[in-house]
Amino acid sequence: MRVEGDGGEVASGRIFTITDIAEGMAVLDGNHPLAGFALRFDITVLDVRAASPEELADADSLRLPEFLRLAEPRSTTLH
């Protein structure tokens, strides 16, 4: 059985699959139905262009998306 999120911030419009019901509680799976499957795409490249000077400059600097951050390296000291 599949259900749709009720409009809360995280679940808005998201589809959940009920995978188990026990003792009055339901287990929901929020993964995409194709999660875990290998996908193969058939694409056609319509156009190729040279990178702009701005794109080339940006390629030299590492910029992570805002939702990612670099983790501090763990200590390599063995105890």
PDB file of N, CA and C in Angstrom:
ATOM      1  N   MET A   1       0.842  -1.163   0.000  1.00  0.00           N
ATOM      2  CA  MET A   1       0.000   0.000   0.000  1.00  0.00           C
ATOM      3  C   MET A   1       0.895   1.236   0.000  1.00  0.00           C
ATOM      4  N   ARG A   2       0.525   2.232  -0.760  1.00  0.00           N
ATOM      5  CA  ARG A   2       1.272   3.490  -0.811  1.00  0.00           C
ATOM      6  C   ARG A   2       0.410   4.618  -0.276  1.00  0.00           C
ATOM      7  N   VAL A   3       1.058   5.541   0.434  1.00  0.00           N
ATOM      8  CA  VAL A   3       0.370   6.713   0.960  1.00  0.00           C
ATOM      9  C   VAL A   3       1.198   7.944   0.624  1.00  0.00           C
ATOM     10  N   GLU A   4       0.535   9.099   0.587  1.00  0.00           N
ATOM     11  CA  GLU A   4       1.235  10.349   0.285  1.00  0.00           C
ATOM     12  C   GLU A   4       1.355  11.184   1.545  1.00  0.00           C
ATOM     13  N   GLY A   5       2.520  11.874   1.687  1.00  0.00           N
ATOM     14  CA  GLY A   5       2.738  12.759   2.838  1.00  0.00           C
ATOM     15  C   GLY A   5       1.646  13.808   2.919  1.00  0.00           C
ATOM     16  N   ASP A   6       1.356  14.283   4.134  1.00  0.00           N
ATOM     17  CA  ASP A   6       0.205  15.161   4.346  1.00  0.00           C
ATOM     18  C   ASP A   6       0.501  16.642   4.222  1.00  0.00           C
ATOM     19  N   GLY A   7       1.646  17.013   3.714  1.00  0.00           N
ATOM     20  CA  GLY A   7       1.916  18.429   3.523  1.00  0.00           C
ATOM     21  C   GLY A   7       2.856  19.019   4.550  1.00  0.00           C
ATOM     22  N   GLY A   8       3.384  18.197   5.457  1.00  0.00           N
ATOM     23  CA  GLY A   8       4.380  18.698   6.391  1.00  0.00           C
ATOM     24  C   GLY A   8       5.630  19.118   5.638  1.00  0.00           C
ATOM     25  N   GLU A   9       6.525  19.834   6.291  1.00  0.00           N
ATOM     26  CA  GLU A   9       7.715  20.350   5.613  1.00  0.00           C
ATOM     27  C   GLU A   9       8.511  19.259   4.906  1.00  0.00           C
ATOM     28  N   VAL A  10       8.788  18.156   5.591  1.00  0.00           N
ATOM     29  CA  VAL A  10       9.649  17.108   5.034  1.00  0.00           C
ATOM     30  C   VAL A  10       8.887  16.195   4.095  1.00  0.00           C
ATOM     31  N   ALA A  11       7.663  15.855   4.438  1.00  0.00           N
ATOM     32  CA  ALA A  11       6.936  14.820   3.707  1.00  0.00           C
ATOM     33  C   ALA A  11       5.975  15.349   2.654  1.00  0.00           C
ATOM     34  N   SER A  12       5.957  16.617   2.393  1.00  0.00           N
ATOM     35  CA  SER A  12       4.983  17.202   1.488  1.00  0.00           C
ATOM     36  C   SER A  12       5.024  16.556   0.106  1.00  0.00           C
ATOM     37  N   GLY A  13       3.944  15.890  -0.253  1.00  0.00           N
ATOM     38  CA  GLY A  13       3.821  15.286  -1.568  1.00  0.00           C
ATOM     39  C   GLY A  13       4.666  14.041  -1.783  1.00  0.00           C
ATOM     40  N   ARG A  14       5.391  13.624  -0.782  1.00  0.00           N
ATOM     41  CA  ARG A  14       6.264  12.454  -0.906  1.00  0.00           C
ATOM     42  C   ARG A  14       5.440  11.178  -0.766  1.00  0.00           C
ATOM     43  N   ILE A  15       5.771  10.178  -1.552  1.00  0.00           N
ATOM     44  CA  ILE A  15       5.046   8.911  -1.528  1.00  0.00           C
ATOM     45  C   ILE A  15       5.790   7.935  -0.610  1.00  0.00           C
ATOM     46  N   PHE A  16       5.048   7.277   0.277  1.00  0.00           N
ATOM     47  CA  PHE A  16       5.604   6.277   1.181  1.00  0.00           C
ATOM     48  C   PHE A  16       4.953   4.928   0.897  1.00  0.00           C
ATOM     49  N   THR A  17       5.717   3.866   1.041  1.00  0.00           N
ATOM     50  CA  THR A  17       5.183   2.521   0.930  1.00  0.00           C
ATOM     51  C   THR A  17       5.128   1.928   2.326  1.00  0.00           C
ATOM     52  N   ILE A  18       3.977   1.400   2.707  1.00  0.00           N
ATOM     53  CA  ILE A  18       3.854   0.733   4.004  1.00  0.00           C
ATOM     54  C   ILE A  18       4.423  -0.667   3.831  1.00  0.00           C
ATOM     55  N   THR A  19       5.510  -0.949   4.561  1.00  0.00           N
ATOM     56  CA  THR A  19       6.169  -2.248   4.411  1.00  0.00           C
ATOM     57  C   THR A  19       5.797  -3.237   5.504  1.00  0.00           C
ATOM     58  N   ASP A  20       5.238  -2.767   6.623  1.00  0.00           N
ATOM     59  CA  ASP A  20       4.868  -3.669   7.712  1.00  0.00           C
ATOM     60  C   ASP A  20       3.902  -2.947   8.643  1.00  0.00           C
ATOM     61  N   ILE A  21       2.973  -3.700   9.199  1.00  0.00           N
ATOM     62  CA  ILE A  21       2.072  -3.178  10.222  1.00  0.00           C
ATOM     63  C   ILE A  21       2.085  -4.171  11.369  1.00  0.00           C
ATOM     64  N   ALA A  22       2.407  -3.692  12.571  1.00  0.00           N
ATOM     65  CA  ALA A  22       2.452  -4.561  13.738  1.00  0.00           C
ATOM     66  C   ALA A  22       2.144  -3.742  14.977  1.00  0.00           C
ATOM     67  N   GLU A  23       1.381  -4.292  15.881  1.00  0.00           N
ATOM     68  CA  GLU A  23       1.051  -3.676  17.152  1.00  0.00           C
ATOM     69  C   GLU A  23       0.564  -2.230  16.990  1.00  0.00           C
ATOM     70  N   GLY A  24      -0.276  -1.999  15.998  1.00  0.00           N
ATOM     71  CA  GLY A  24      -0.849  -0.682  15.793  1.00  0.00           C
ATOM     72  C   GLY A  24       0.088   0.349  15.200  1.00  0.00           C
ATOM     73  N   MET A  25       1.270  -0.069  14.739  1.00  0.00           N
ATOM     74  CA  MET A  25       2.229   0.856  14.144  1.00  0.00           C
ATOM     75  C   MET A  25       2.543   0.399  12.720  1.00  0.00           C
ATOM     76  N   ALA A  26       2.838   1.384  11.863  1.00  0.00           N
ATOM     77  CA  ALA A  26       3.182   1.081  10.472  1.00  0.00           C
ATOM     78  C   ALA A  26       4.633   1.458  10.219  1.00  0.00           C
ATOM     79  N   VAL A  27       5.308   0.637   9.409  1.00  0.00           N
ATOM     80  CA  VAL A  27       6.671   0.937   8.977  1.00  0.00           C
ATOM     81  C   VAL A  27       6.562   1.509   7.571  1.00  0.00           C
ATOM     82  N   LEU A  28       7.094   2.725   7.393  1.00  0.00           N
ATOM     83  CA  LEU A  28       7.014   3.394   6.095  1.00  0.00           C
ATOM     84  C   LEU A  28       8.375   3.409   5.420  1.00  0.00           C
ATOM     85  N   ASP A  29       8.385   3.164   4.126  1.00  0.00           N
ATOM     86  CA  ASP A  29       9.598   3.248   3.319  1.00  0.00           C
ATOM     87  C   ASP A  29       9.448   4.465   2.424  1.00  0.00           C
ATOM     88  N   GLY A  30      10.326   5.472   2.616  1.00  0.00           N
ATOM     89  CA  GLY A  30      10.246   6.702   1.836  1.00  0.00           C
ATOM     90  C   GLY A  30      11.195   6.734   0.655  1.00  0.00           C
ATOM     91  N   ASN A  31      11.858   5.610   0.366  1.00  0.00           N
ATOM     92  CA  ASN A  31      12.772   5.576  -0.779  1.00  0.00           C
ATOM     93  C   ASN A  31      11.996   5.657  -2.086  1.00  0.00           C
ATOM     94  N   HIS A  32      12.645   6.175  -3.091  1.00  0.00           N
ATOM     95  CA  HIS A  32      12.052   6.194  -4.428  1.00  0.00           C
ATOM     96  C   HIS A  32      11.843   4.745  -4.868  1.00  0.00           C
ATOM     97  N   PRO A  33      10.769   4.443  -5.585  1.00  0.00           N
ATOM     98  CA  PRO A  33      10.520   3.060  -6.018  1.00  0.00           C
ATOM     99  C   PRO A  33      11.662   2.448  -6.832  1.00  0.00           C
ATOM    100  N   LEU A  34      12.480   3.261  -7.482  1.00  0.00           N
ATOM    101  CA  LEU A  34      13.595   2.727  -8.275  1.00  0.00           C
ATOM    102  C   LEU A  34      14.910   2.690  -7.490  1.00  0.00           C
ATOM    103  N   ALA A  35      14.885   3.077  -6.205  1.00  0.00           N
ATOM    104  CA  ALA A  35      16.107   3.043  -5.398  1.00  0.00           C
ATOM    105  C   ALA A  35      16.640   1.621  -5.356  1.00  0.00           C
ATOM    106  N   GLY A  36      17.941   1.473  -5.556  1.00  0.00           N
ATOM    107  CA  GLY A  36      18.574   0.159  -5.520  1.00  0.00           C
ATOM    108  C   GLY A  36      18.634  -0.531  -6.871  1.00  0.00           C
ATOM    109  N   PHE A  37      17.949   0.005  -7.864  1.00  0.00           N
ATOM    110  CA  PHE A  37      17.999  -0.583  -9.203  1.00  0.00           C
ATOM    111  C   PHE A  37      19.047   0.137 -10.036  1.00  0.00           C
ATOM    112  N   ALA A  38      19.741  -0.604 -10.881  1.00  0.00           N
ATOM    113  CA  ALA A  38      20.661   0.012 -11.834  1.00  0.00           C
ATOM    114  C   ALA A  38      19.817   0.612 -12.961  1.00  0.00           C
ATOM    115  N   LEU A  39      20.076   1.857 -13.279  1.00  0.00           N
ATOM    116  CA  LEU A  39      19.325   2.526 -14.339  1.00  0.00           C
ATOM    117  C   LEU A  39      20.236   2.788 -15.522  1.00  0.00           C
ATOM    118  N   ARG A  40      19.721   2.631 -16.688  1.00  0.00           N
ATOM    119  CA  ARG A  40      20.467   2.919 -17.907  1.00  0.00           C
ATOM    120  C   ARG A  40      19.682   3.957 -18.690  1.00  0.00           C
ATOM    121  N   PHE A  41      20.363   5.026 -19.081  1.00  0.00           N
ATOM    122  CA  PHE A  41      19.720   6.108 -19.812  1.00  0.00           C
ATOM    123  C   PHE A  41      20.221   6.118 -21.247  1.00  0.00           C
ATOM    124  N   ASP A  42      19.341   6.365 -22.158  1.00  0.00           N
ATOM    125  CA  ASP A  42      19.680   6.527 -23.569  1.00  0.00           C
ATOM    126  C   ASP A  42      19.535   8.014 -23.862  1.00  0.00           C
ATOM    127  N   ILE A  43      20.666   8.705 -24.070  1.00  0.00           N
ATOM    128  CA  ILE A  43      20.620  10.155 -24.250  1.00  0.00           C
ATOM    129  C   ILE A  43      21.221  10.547 -25.583  1.00  0.00           C
ATOM    130  N   THR A  44      20.897  11.729 -26.018  1.00  0.00           N
ATOM    131  CA  THR A  44      21.472  12.308 -27.219  1.00  0.00           C
ATOM    132  C   THR A  44      22.011  13.692 -26.860  1.00  0.00           C
ATOM    133  N   VAL A  45      23.290  13.935 -27.144  1.00  0.00           N
ATOM    134  CA  VAL A  45      23.892  15.248 -26.909  1.00  0.00           C
ATOM    135  C   VAL A  45      23.467  16.144 -28.064  1.00  0.00           C
ATOM    136  N   LEU A  46      22.774  17.223 -27.735  1.00  0.00           N
ATOM    137  CA  LEU A  46      22.246  18.110 -28.769  1.00  0.00           C
ATOM    138  C   LEU A  46      23.205  19.227 -29.132  1.00  0.00           C
ATOM    139  N   ASP A  47      24.072  19.616 -28.192  1.00  0.00           N
ATOM    140  CA  ASP A  47      24.942  20.750 -28.458  1.00  0.00           C
ATOM    141  C   ASP A  47      26.159  20.665 -27.552  1.00  0.00           C
ATOM    142  N   VAL A  48      27.294  21.127 -28.057  1.00  0.00           N
ATOM    143  CA  VAL A  48      28.524  21.210 -27.279  1.00  0.00           C
ATOM    144  C   VAL A  48      29.074  22.612 -27.485  1.00  0.00           C
ATOM    145  N   ARG A  49      29.524  23.241 -26.397  1.00  0.00           N
ATOM    146  CA  ARG A  49      30.084  24.576 -26.510  1.00  0.00           C
ATOM    147  C   ARG A  49      31.312  24.673 -25.628  1.00  0.00           C
ATOM    148  N   ALA A  50      32.128  25.638 -25.910  1.00  0.00           N
ATOM    149  CA  ALA A  50      33.299  25.886 -25.073  1.00  0.00           C
ATOM    150  C   ALA A  50      32.846  26.502 -23.758  1.00  0.00           C
ATOM    151  N   ALA A  51      33.582  26.219 -22.681  1.00  0.00           N
ATOM    152  CA  ALA A  51      33.263  26.796 -21.378  1.00  0.00           C
ATOM    153  C   ALA A  51      33.550  28.293 -21.401  1.00  0.00           C
ATOM    154  N   SER A  52      32.713  29.044 -20.694  1.00  0.00           N
ATOM    155  CA  SER A  52      32.921  30.491 -20.593  1.00  0.00           C
ATOM    156  C   SER A  52      34.096  30.753 -19.647  1.00  0.00           C
ATOM    157  N   PRO A  53      34.709  31.943 -19.715  1.00  0.00           N
ATOM    158  CA  PRO A  53      35.791  32.265 -18.777  1.00  0.00           C
ATOM    159  C   PRO A  53      35.359  32.102 -17.315  1.00  0.00           C
ATOM    160  N   GLU A  54      34.125  32.466 -17.001  1.00  0.00           N
ATOM    161  CA  GLU A  54      33.622  32.306 -15.620  1.00  0.00           C
ATOM    162  C   GLU A  54      33.556  30.832 -15.226  1.00  0.00           C
ATOM    163  N   GLU A  55      33.078  29.978 -16.122  1.00  0.00           N
ATOM    164  CA  GLU A  55      33.005  28.541 -15.834  1.00  0.00           C
ATOM    165  C   GLU A  55      34.400  27.948 -15.647  1.00  0.00           C
ATOM    166  N   LEU A  56      35.353  28.407 -16.454  1.00  0.00           N
ATOM    167  CA  LEU A  56      36.729  27.920 -16.306  1.00  0.00           C
ATOM    168  C   LEU A  56      37.328  28.353 -14.971  1.00  0.00           C
ATOM    169  N   ALA A  57      37.063  29.587 -14.566  1.00  0.00           N
ATOM    170  CA  ALA A  57      37.568  30.078 -13.280  1.00  0.00           C
ATOM    171  C   ALA A  57      36.935  29.300 -12.130  1.00  0.00           C
ATOM    172  N   ASP A  58      35.647  29.024 -12.236  1.00  0.00           N
ATOM    173  CA  ASP A  58      34.956  28.268 -11.190  1.00  0.00           C
ATOM    174  C   ASP A  58      35.464  26.831 -11.088  1.00  0.00           C
ATOM    175  N   ALA A  59      35.918  26.274 -12.199  1.00  0.00           N
ATOM    176  CA  ALA A  59      36.396  24.886 -12.197  1.00  0.00           C
ATOM    177  C   ALA A  59      37.663  24.738 -11.371  1.00  0.00           C
ATOM    178  N   ASP A  60      38.401  25.811 -11.174  1.00  0.00           N
ATOM    179  CA  ASP A  60      39.650  25.748 -10.412  1.00  0.00           C
ATOM    180  C   ASP A  60      39.434  25.838  -8.911  1.00  0.00           C
ATOM    181  N   SER A  61      38.239  26.196  -8.469  1.00  0.00           N
ATOM    182  CA  SER A  61      37.990  26.325  -7.028  1.00  0.00           C
ATOM    183  C   SER A  61      36.924  25.321  -6.604  1.00  0.00           C
ATOM    184  N   LEU A  62      37.175  24.676  -5.474  1.00  0.00           N
ATOM    185  CA  LEU A  62      36.228  23.711  -4.942  1.00  0.00           C
ATOM    186  C   LEU A  62      35.126  24.440  -4.207  1.00  0.00           C
ATOM    187  N   ARG A  63      33.891  24.265  -4.648  1.00  0.00           N
ATOM    188  CA  ARG A  63      32.741  24.834  -3.953  1.00  0.00           C
ATOM    189  C   ARG A  63      31.715  23.733  -3.757  1.00  0.00           C
ATOM    190  N   LEU A  64      31.489  23.388  -2.512  1.00  0.00           N
ATOM    191  CA  LEU A  64      30.510  22.361  -2.193  1.00  0.00           C
ATOM    192  C   LEU A  64      29.117  22.978  -2.117  1.00  0.00           C
ATOM    193  N   PRO A  65      28.101  22.190  -2.430  1.00  0.00           N
ATOM    194  CA  PRO A  65      26.741  22.693  -2.218  1.00  0.00           C
ATOM    195  C   PRO A  65      26.550  23.041  -0.744  1.00  0.00           C
ATOM    196  N   GLU A  66      25.623  23.935  -0.460  1.00  0.00           N
ATOM    197  CA  GLU A  66      25.434  24.420   0.901  1.00  0.00           C
ATOM    198  C   GLU A  66      25.068  23.315   1.885  1.00  0.00           C
ATOM    199  N   PHE A  67      24.421  22.222   1.406  1.00  0.00           N
ATOM    200  CA  PHE A  67      24.003  21.182   2.334  1.00  0.00           C
ATOM    201  C   PHE A  67      25.136  20.215   2.677  1.00  0.00           C
ATOM    202  N   LEU A  68      26.300  20.358   2.048  1.00  0.00           N
ATOM    203  CA  LEU A  68      27.460  19.522   2.357  1.00  0.00           C
ATOM    204  C   LEU A  68      28.504  20.335   3.102  1.00  0.00           C
ATOM    205  N   ARG A  69      29.306  19.661   3.882  1.00  0.00           N
ATOM    206  CA  ARG A  69      30.426  20.321   4.539  1.00  0.00           C
ATOM    207  C   ARG A  69      31.577  19.335   4.599  1.00  0.00           C
ATOM    208  N   LEU A  70      32.790  19.841   4.654  1.00  0.00           N
ATOM    209  CA  LEU A  70      33.953  18.981   4.774  1.00  0.00           C
ATOM    210  C   LEU A  70      34.097  18.541   6.216  1.00  0.00           C
ATOM    211  N   ALA A  71      34.330  17.262   6.430  1.00  0.00           N
ATOM    212  CA  ALA A  71      34.531  16.750   7.782  1.00  0.00           C
ATOM    213  C   ALA A  71      35.994  16.917   8.158  1.00  0.00           C
ATOM    214  N   GLU A  72      36.218  17.156   9.435  1.00  0.00           N
ATOM    215  CA  GLU A  72      37.590  17.239   9.923  1.00  0.00           C
ATOM    216  C   GLU A  72      38.197  15.842   9.881  1.00  0.00           C
ATOM    217  N   PRO A  73      39.480  15.737   9.485  1.00  0.00           N
ATOM    218  CA  PRO A  73      40.092  14.404   9.449  1.00  0.00           C
ATOM    219  C   PRO A  73      40.163  13.799  10.849  1.00  0.00           C
ATOM    220  N   ARG A  74      39.994  12.501  10.909  1.00  0.00           N
ATOM    221  CA  ARG A  74      40.101  11.792  12.191  1.00  0.00           C
ATOM    222  C   ARG A  74      41.558  11.644  12.560  1.00  0.00           C
ATOM    223  N   SER A  75      41.817  11.560  13.821  1.00  0.00           N
ATOM    224  CA  SER A  75      43.181  11.359  14.296  1.00  0.00           C
ATOM    225  C   SER A  75      43.669   9.991  13.840  1.00  0.00           C
ATOM    226  N   THR A  76      44.918   9.935  13.401  1.00  0.00           N
ATOM    227  CA  THR A  76      45.472   8.648  12.958  1.00  0.00           C
ATOM    228  C   THR A  76      46.308   7.993  14.049  1.00  0.00           C
ATOM    229  N   THR A  77      46.242   8.536  15.263  1.00  0.00           N
ATOM    230  CA  THR A  77      46.995   7.968  16.381  1.00  0.00           C
ATOM    231  C   THR A  77      46.382   6.637  16.782  1.00  0.00           C
ATOM    232  N   LEU A  78      47.223   5.617  16.855  1.00  0.00           N
ATOM    233  CA  LEU A  78      46.763   4.299  17.282  1.00  0.00           C
ATOM    234  C   LEU A  78      46.985   4.138  18.776  1.00  0.00           C
ATOM    235  N   HIS A  79      46.032   3.553  19.452  1.00  0.00           N
ATOM    236  CA  HIS A  79      46.163   3.345  20.899  1.00  0.00           C
ATOM    237  C   HIS A  79      46.324   1.883  21.192  1.00  0.00           C
TER     238      HIS A  79
END
